[in-house]
């Protein structure tokens, strides 16, 4: 499960727009939004591309953003 808030904050801190990130991944803005909001899952290749674009190098940060535990 993606940590929506953390991902959006990181995109903003890098000075990027959601539409640009979507296009970078080859997704429509709506398709990217669905994945960010956990209505669809990111593919492994998309997570890898996001990590490259957002300069996420540490495994702990990747896990925090892309593999957040679901709150019950």
Protein backbone atom coordinates (compact mmCIF):
# COMPACT_ATOMS: atom_id res chain seq x y z
CA UNK A 1 0.00 0.00 0.00
CA UNK A 2 1.38 3.40 -0.99
CA UNK A 3 1.74 6.15 1.60
CA UNK A 4 -0.21 8.74 -0.40
CA UNK A 5 0.72 11.71 1.79
CA UNK A 6 4.45 10.91 1.83
CA UNK A 7 4.55 10.38 -1.95
CA UNK A 8 2.71 13.62 -2.70
CA UNK A 9 4.95 15.54 -0.27
CA UNK A 10 8.10 14.17 -1.89
CA UNK A 11 6.85 15.03 -5.38
CA UNK A 12 6.13 18.58 -4.17
CA UNK A 13 9.52 18.91 -2.46
CA UNK A 14 11.23 17.95 -5.71
CA UNK A 15 9.29 20.73 -7.47
CA UNK A 16 7.45 18.33 -9.77
CA UNK A 17 3.83 18.33 -10.87
CA UNK A 18 1.66 15.23 -10.64
CA UNK A 19 0.91 15.41 -14.37
CA UNK A 20 4.62 15.45 -15.22
CA UNK A 21 5.26 12.42 -13.00
CA UNK A 22 2.33 10.59 -14.62
CA UNK A 23 3.71 11.29 -18.11
CA UNK A 24 7.19 10.21 -16.99
CA UNK A 25 5.69 6.84 -16.03
CA UNK A 26 3.70 6.60 -19.26
CA UNK A 27 0.39 6.96 -17.41
CA UNK A 28 -2.52 9.31 -17.77
CA UNK A 29 -2.99 11.81 -14.95
CA UNK A 30 -6.09 9.88 -13.89
CA UNK A 31 -4.30 6.51 -14.01
CA UNK A 32 -1.49 7.89 -11.84
CA UNK A 33 -4.01 9.36 -9.40
CA UNK A 34 -5.67 5.95 -9.01
CA UNK A 35 -2.33 4.40 -8.10
CA UNK A 36 -1.34 7.18 -5.70
CA UNK A 37 -4.72 6.82 -3.94
CA UNK A 38 -4.35 3.01 -3.69
CA UNK A 39 -7.26 2.25 -5.99
CA UNK A 40 -4.81 0.42 -8.28
CA UNK A 41 -1.35 -0.95 -7.51
CA UNK A 42 1.91 0.38 -8.89
CA UNK A 43 3.85 -2.05 -11.10
CA UNK A 44 7.40 -2.86 -10.01
CA UNK A 45 8.74 -0.98 -13.02
CA UNK A 46 6.73 2.11 -12.04
CA UNK A 47 8.07 2.02 -8.47
CA UNK A 48 11.59 1.71 -9.86
CA UNK A 49 11.07 4.67 -12.22
CA UNK A 50 9.58 6.76 -9.41
CA UNK A 51 12.53 6.02 -7.16
CA UNK A 52 14.89 7.12 -9.93
CA UNK A 53 12.92 10.30 -10.68
CA UNK A 54 12.46 11.25 -7.03
CA UNK A 55 16.04 10.21 -6.11
CA UNK A 56 14.92 7.70 -3.48
CA UNK A 57 18.01 5.66 -2.68
CA UNK A 58 17.43 4.19 0.75
CA UNK A 59 15.55 0.95 1.11
CA UNK A 60 13.83 2.20 4.25
CA UNK A 61 12.42 5.22 2.42
CA UNK A 62 11.22 3.02 -0.46
CA UNK A 63 9.50 0.71 2.01
CA UNK A 64 7.96 3.63 3.91
CA UNK A 65 6.42 5.13 0.77
CA UNK A 66 5.58 2.15 -1.42
CA UNK A 67 5.04 -0.67 1.07
CA UNK A 68 3.25 1.09 3.92
CA UNK A 69 1.26 -1.17 6.20
CA UNK A 70 -2.49 -0.89 5.91
CA UNK A 71 -4.11 0.51 9.05
CA UNK A 72 -6.90 -1.70 10.31
